[in-house]
Amino acid sequence: MPRKLTYVYKGDRKELPFSYSRHHDIYEAAAAAENVDISGFLAMEEQVRMTSKGKHAVKDFRQKEFARMGFSDIKMVVDEDDICSE
């Protein structure tokens, strides 16, 4: 089943195909599509991961930083046409 990513970047809703072979996660794919350099973010995220006791801190950090960069509503969607054809 093909995966699609949908997100809002600076007020514009966008959709693109997503593959785990090309990107680590949906946040990385959205940033790459908008040519946003997230190398500093990834380094800080790793530090948060190493010092936090749970996944909540990392998830919260990721969502807040991407909102600061102009992203919102980043999520994976299922193509309804593919579901109907099965």
N, C-alpha and C. Protein backbone atom coordinates (compact mmCIF):
# COMPACT_ATOMS: atom_id res chain seq x y z
N MET A 1 0.84 -1.17 0.00
CA MET A 1 0.00 0.00 0.00
C MET A 1 0.89 1.24 0.00
N PRO A 2 0.72 2.12 -0.97
CA PRO A 2 1.52 3.34 -1.02
C PRO A 2 1.20 4.25 0.18
N ARG A 3 2.24 4.87 0.68
CA ARG A 3 2.07 5.79 1.80
C ARG A 3 2.13 7.22 1.29
N LYS A 4 1.34 8.06 1.89
CA LYS A 4 1.37 9.48 1.56
C LYS A 4 1.51 10.27 2.85
N LEU A 5 2.15 11.39 2.72
CA LEU A 5 2.37 12.29 3.84
C LEU A 5 1.63 13.58 3.55
N THR A 6 0.92 14.08 4.53
CA THR A 6 0.25 15.36 4.38
C THR A 6 0.70 16.26 5.53
N TYR A 7 0.86 17.54 5.21
CA TYR A 7 1.31 18.49 6.23
C TYR A 7 0.94 19.90 5.79
N VAL A 8 1.01 20.82 6.73
CA VAL A 8 0.78 22.23 6.44
C VAL A 8 2.10 22.94 6.70
N TYR A 9 2.58 23.68 5.70
CA TYR A 9 3.82 24.44 5.84
C TYR A 9 3.52 25.90 5.54
N LYS A 10 3.68 26.72 6.55
CA LYS A 10 3.42 28.16 6.45
C LYS A 10 2.07 28.45 5.82
N GLY A 11 1.06 27.71 6.28
CA GLY A 11 -0.32 27.95 5.86
C GLY A 11 -0.78 27.21 4.62
N ASP A 12 0.12 26.53 3.91
CA ASP A 12 -0.25 25.80 2.69
C ASP A 12 -0.25 24.30 2.97
N ARG A 13 -1.39 23.64 2.72
CA ARG A 13 -1.46 22.18 2.86
C ARG A 13 -0.79 21.52 1.67
N LYS A 14 0.05 20.52 1.97
CA LYS A 14 0.77 19.82 0.91
C LYS A 14 0.70 18.32 1.16
N GLU A 15 0.82 17.56 0.07
CA GLU A 15 0.79 16.11 0.14
C GLU A 15 1.89 15.56 -0.76
N LEU A 16 2.56 14.51 -0.30
CA LEU A 16 3.61 13.90 -1.11
C LEU A 16 3.75 12.43 -0.78
N PRO A 17 4.30 11.65 -1.71
CA PRO A 17 4.53 10.23 -1.42
C PRO A 17 5.61 10.08 -0.36
N PHE A 18 5.50 9.03 0.44
CA PHE A 18 6.46 8.80 1.52
C PHE A 18 6.99 7.38 1.45
N SER A 19 8.31 7.25 1.67
CA SER A 19 8.94 5.94 1.69
C SER A 19 9.98 5.90 2.81
N TYR A 20 9.93 4.84 3.62
CA TYR A 20 10.93 4.69 4.68
C TYR A 20 12.32 4.40 4.12
N SER A 21 12.42 3.99 2.88
CA SER A 21 13.74 3.77 2.28
C SER A 21 14.45 5.09 1.97
N ARG A 22 13.68 6.17 1.86
CA ARG A 22 14.27 7.47 1.56
C ARG A 22 14.41 8.36 2.79
N HIS A 23 13.50 8.21 3.77
CA HIS A 23 13.50 9.09 4.94
C HIS A 23 13.29 8.28 6.22
N HIS A 24 13.89 8.76 7.28
CA HIS A 24 13.81 8.10 8.58
C HIS A 24 12.39 8.19 9.16
N ASP A 25 11.76 9.35 9.03
CA ASP A 25 10.39 9.53 9.54
C ASP A 25 9.68 10.61 8.73
N ILE A 26 8.42 10.84 9.07
CA ILE A 26 7.61 11.79 8.30
C ILE A 26 8.08 13.23 8.48
N TYR A 27 8.65 13.53 9.64
CA TYR A 27 9.15 14.88 9.88
C TYR A 27 10.34 15.18 8.97
N GLU A 28 11.24 14.23 8.85
CA GLU A 28 12.40 14.39 7.97
C GLU A 28 11.96 14.55 6.51
N ALA A 29 10.96 13.79 6.10
CA ALA A 29 10.47 13.87 4.72
C ALA A 29 9.84 15.25 4.44
N ALA A 30 9.07 15.75 5.37
CA ALA A 30 8.44 17.07 5.18
C ALA A 30 9.50 18.16 5.10
N ALA A 31 10.51 18.10 5.96
CA ALA A 31 11.58 19.09 5.93
C ALA A 31 12.35 19.02 4.62
N ALA A 32 12.63 17.81 4.14
CA ALA A 32 13.35 17.65 2.88
C ALA A 32 12.54 18.21 1.71
N ALA A 33 11.24 18.01 1.73
CA ALA A 33 10.38 18.52 0.65
C ALA A 33 10.39 20.04 0.60
N GLU A 34 10.58 20.68 1.74
CA GLU A 34 10.59 22.14 1.81
C GLU A 34 12.00 22.72 1.85
N ASN A 35 13.00 21.88 1.65
CA ASN A 35 14.42 22.30 1.67
C ASN A 35 14.80 23.00 2.97
N VAL A 36 14.32 22.48 4.08
CA VAL A 36 14.63 23.01 5.41
C VAL A 36 15.76 22.18 5.99
N ASP A 37 16.87 22.82 6.37
CA ASP A 37 18.01 22.13 6.97
C ASP A 37 17.68 21.80 8.42
N ILE A 38 17.64 20.52 8.75
CA ILE A 38 17.31 20.11 10.11
C ILE A 38 18.49 19.44 10.82
N SER A 39 19.70 19.67 10.33
CA SER A 39 20.86 19.02 10.95
C SER A 39 21.04 19.45 12.40
N GLY A 40 20.85 20.71 12.71
CA GLY A 40 20.93 21.18 14.10
C GLY A 40 19.81 20.59 14.95
N PHE A 41 18.63 20.51 14.37
CA PHE A 41 17.50 19.90 15.07
C PHE A 41 17.78 18.44 15.41
N LEU A 42 18.32 17.69 14.44
CA LEU A 42 18.60 16.27 14.66
C LEU A 42 19.63 16.06 15.78
N ALA A 43 20.63 16.92 15.84
CA ALA A 43 21.63 16.83 16.90
C ALA A 43 21.00 17.10 18.27
N MET A 44 20.15 18.11 18.34
CA MET A 44 19.49 18.42 19.61
C MET A 44 18.49 17.34 19.98
N GLU A 45 17.80 16.79 19.00
CA GLU A 45 16.85 15.72 19.27
C GLU A 45 17.57 14.50 19.86
N GLU A 46 18.74 14.20 19.35
CA GLU A 46 19.53 13.08 19.89
C GLU A 46 19.92 13.35 21.34
N GLN A 47 20.27 14.57 21.66
CA GLN A 47 20.60 14.92 23.05
C GLN A 47 19.38 14.77 23.95
N VAL A 48 18.22 15.19 23.48
CA VAL A 48 16.99 15.02 24.25
C VAL A 48 16.71 13.55 24.46
N ARG A 49 16.89 12.74 23.41
CA ARG A 49 16.66 11.30 23.49
C ARG A 49 17.58 10.65 24.53
N MET A 50 18.84 11.07 24.56
CA MET A 50 19.81 10.47 25.48
C MET A 50 19.57 10.88 26.93
N THR A 51 19.01 12.06 27.17
CA THR A 51 18.85 12.54 28.54
C THR A 51 17.45 12.33 29.10
N SER A 52 16.47 12.03 28.26
CA SER A 52 15.11 11.87 28.75
C SER A 52 14.86 10.42 29.14
N LYS A 53 13.87 10.22 29.99
CA LYS A 53 13.55 8.88 30.47
C LYS A 53 12.45 8.22 29.65
N GLY A 54 11.80 8.96 28.79
CA GLY A 54 10.71 8.39 28.00
C GLY A 54 10.61 9.02 26.63
N LYS A 55 9.72 8.49 25.83
CA LYS A 55 9.54 8.97 24.46
C LYS A 55 8.79 10.30 24.41
N HIS A 56 8.06 10.60 25.46
CA HIS A 56 7.23 11.81 25.46
C HIS A 56 8.06 13.08 25.26
N ALA A 57 9.21 13.16 25.89
CA ALA A 57 10.05 14.36 25.78
C ALA A 57 10.53 14.56 24.35
N VAL A 58 10.91 13.48 23.70
CA VAL A 58 11.40 13.55 22.32
C VAL A 58 10.26 13.96 21.38
N LYS A 59 9.11 13.36 21.57
CA LYS A 59 7.95 13.68 20.72
C LYS A 59 7.53 15.14 20.91
N ASP A 60 7.50 15.59 22.15
CA ASP A 60 7.13 16.97 22.45
C ASP A 60 8.14 17.94 21.84
N PHE A 61 9.43 17.63 21.97
CA PHE A 61 10.48 18.48 21.38
C PHE A 61 10.31 18.56 19.86
N ARG A 62 10.09 17.41 19.23
CA ARG A 62 9.95 17.36 17.77
C ARG A 62 8.76 18.21 17.31
N GLN A 63 7.62 18.04 17.96
CA GLN A 63 6.42 18.78 17.56
C GLN A 63 6.59 20.28 17.75
N LYS A 64 7.18 20.69 18.85
CA LYS A 64 7.37 22.12 19.10
C LYS A 64 8.37 22.74 18.14
N GLU A 65 9.46 22.05 17.86
CA GLU A 65 10.46 22.59 16.94
C GLU A 65 9.94 22.68 15.52
N PHE A 66 9.19 21.68 15.08
CA PHE A 66 8.64 21.75 13.73
C PHE A 66 7.57 22.83 13.62
N ALA A 67 6.82 23.05 14.68
CA ALA A 67 5.86 24.16 14.68
C ALA A 67 6.60 25.48 14.58
N ARG A 68 7.73 25.59 15.26
CA ARG A 68 8.54 26.81 15.20
C ARG A 68 9.08 27.03 13.78
N MET A 69 9.38 25.95 13.06
CA MET A 69 9.88 26.04 11.69
C MET A 69 8.78 26.34 10.68
N GLY A 70 7.51 26.29 11.11
CA GLY A 70 6.41 26.61 10.20
C GLY A 70 5.57 25.42 9.79
N PHE A 71 5.83 24.23 10.35
CA PHE A 71 5.07 23.03 10.00
C PHE A 71 3.96 22.79 11.01
N SER A 72 2.88 22.20 10.54
CA SER A 72 1.82 21.75 11.44
C SER A 72 1.08 20.60 10.78
N ASP A 73 0.33 19.88 11.58
CA ASP A 73 -0.54 18.81 11.09
C ASP A 73 0.20 17.81 10.19
N ILE A 74 1.38 17.38 10.61
CA ILE A 74 2.16 16.40 9.84
C ILE A 74 1.64 15.02 10.18
N LYS A 75 1.17 14.29 9.15
CA LYS A 75 0.65 12.95 9.40
C LYS A 75 0.68 12.10 8.14
N MET A 76 0.64 10.78 8.36
CA MET A 76 0.59 9.81 7.29
C MET A 76 -0.88 9.59 6.95
N VAL A 77 -1.19 9.50 5.66
CA VAL A 77 -2.56 9.25 5.23
C VAL A 77 -2.60 8.03 4.33
N VAL A 78 -3.76 7.40 4.29
CA VAL A 78 -3.98 6.24 3.43
C VAL A 78 -4.78 6.70 2.23
N ASP A 79 -4.34 6.30 1.06
CA ASP A 79 -5.04 6.67 -0.16
C ASP A 79 -6.34 5.87 -0.24
N GLU A 80 -7.47 6.55 -0.21
CA GLU A 80 -8.77 5.87 -0.21
C GLU A 80 -9.02 5.08 -1.49
N ASP A 81 -8.45 5.51 -2.60
CA ASP A 81 -8.61 4.78 -3.87
C ASP A 81 -7.99 3.40 -3.77
N ASP A 82 -6.86 3.29 -3.08
CA ASP A 82 -6.20 2.00 -2.92
C ASP A 82 -7.02 1.05 -2.04
N ILE A 83 -7.71 1.57 -1.05
CA ILE A 83 -8.53 0.75 -0.17
C ILE A 83 -9.73 0.19 -0.94
N CYS A 84 -10.35 1.04 -1.78
CA CYS A 84 -11.51 0.62 -2.53
C CYS A 84 -11.18 -0.42 -3.59
N SER A 85 -9.97 -0.42 -4.12
CA SER A 85 -9.60 -1.33 -5.20
C SER A 85 -9.24 -2.71 -4.69
N GLU A 86 -9.07 -2.88 -3.38
CA GLU A 86 -8.68 -4.19 -2.84
C GLU A 86 -9.85 -5.10 -2.68
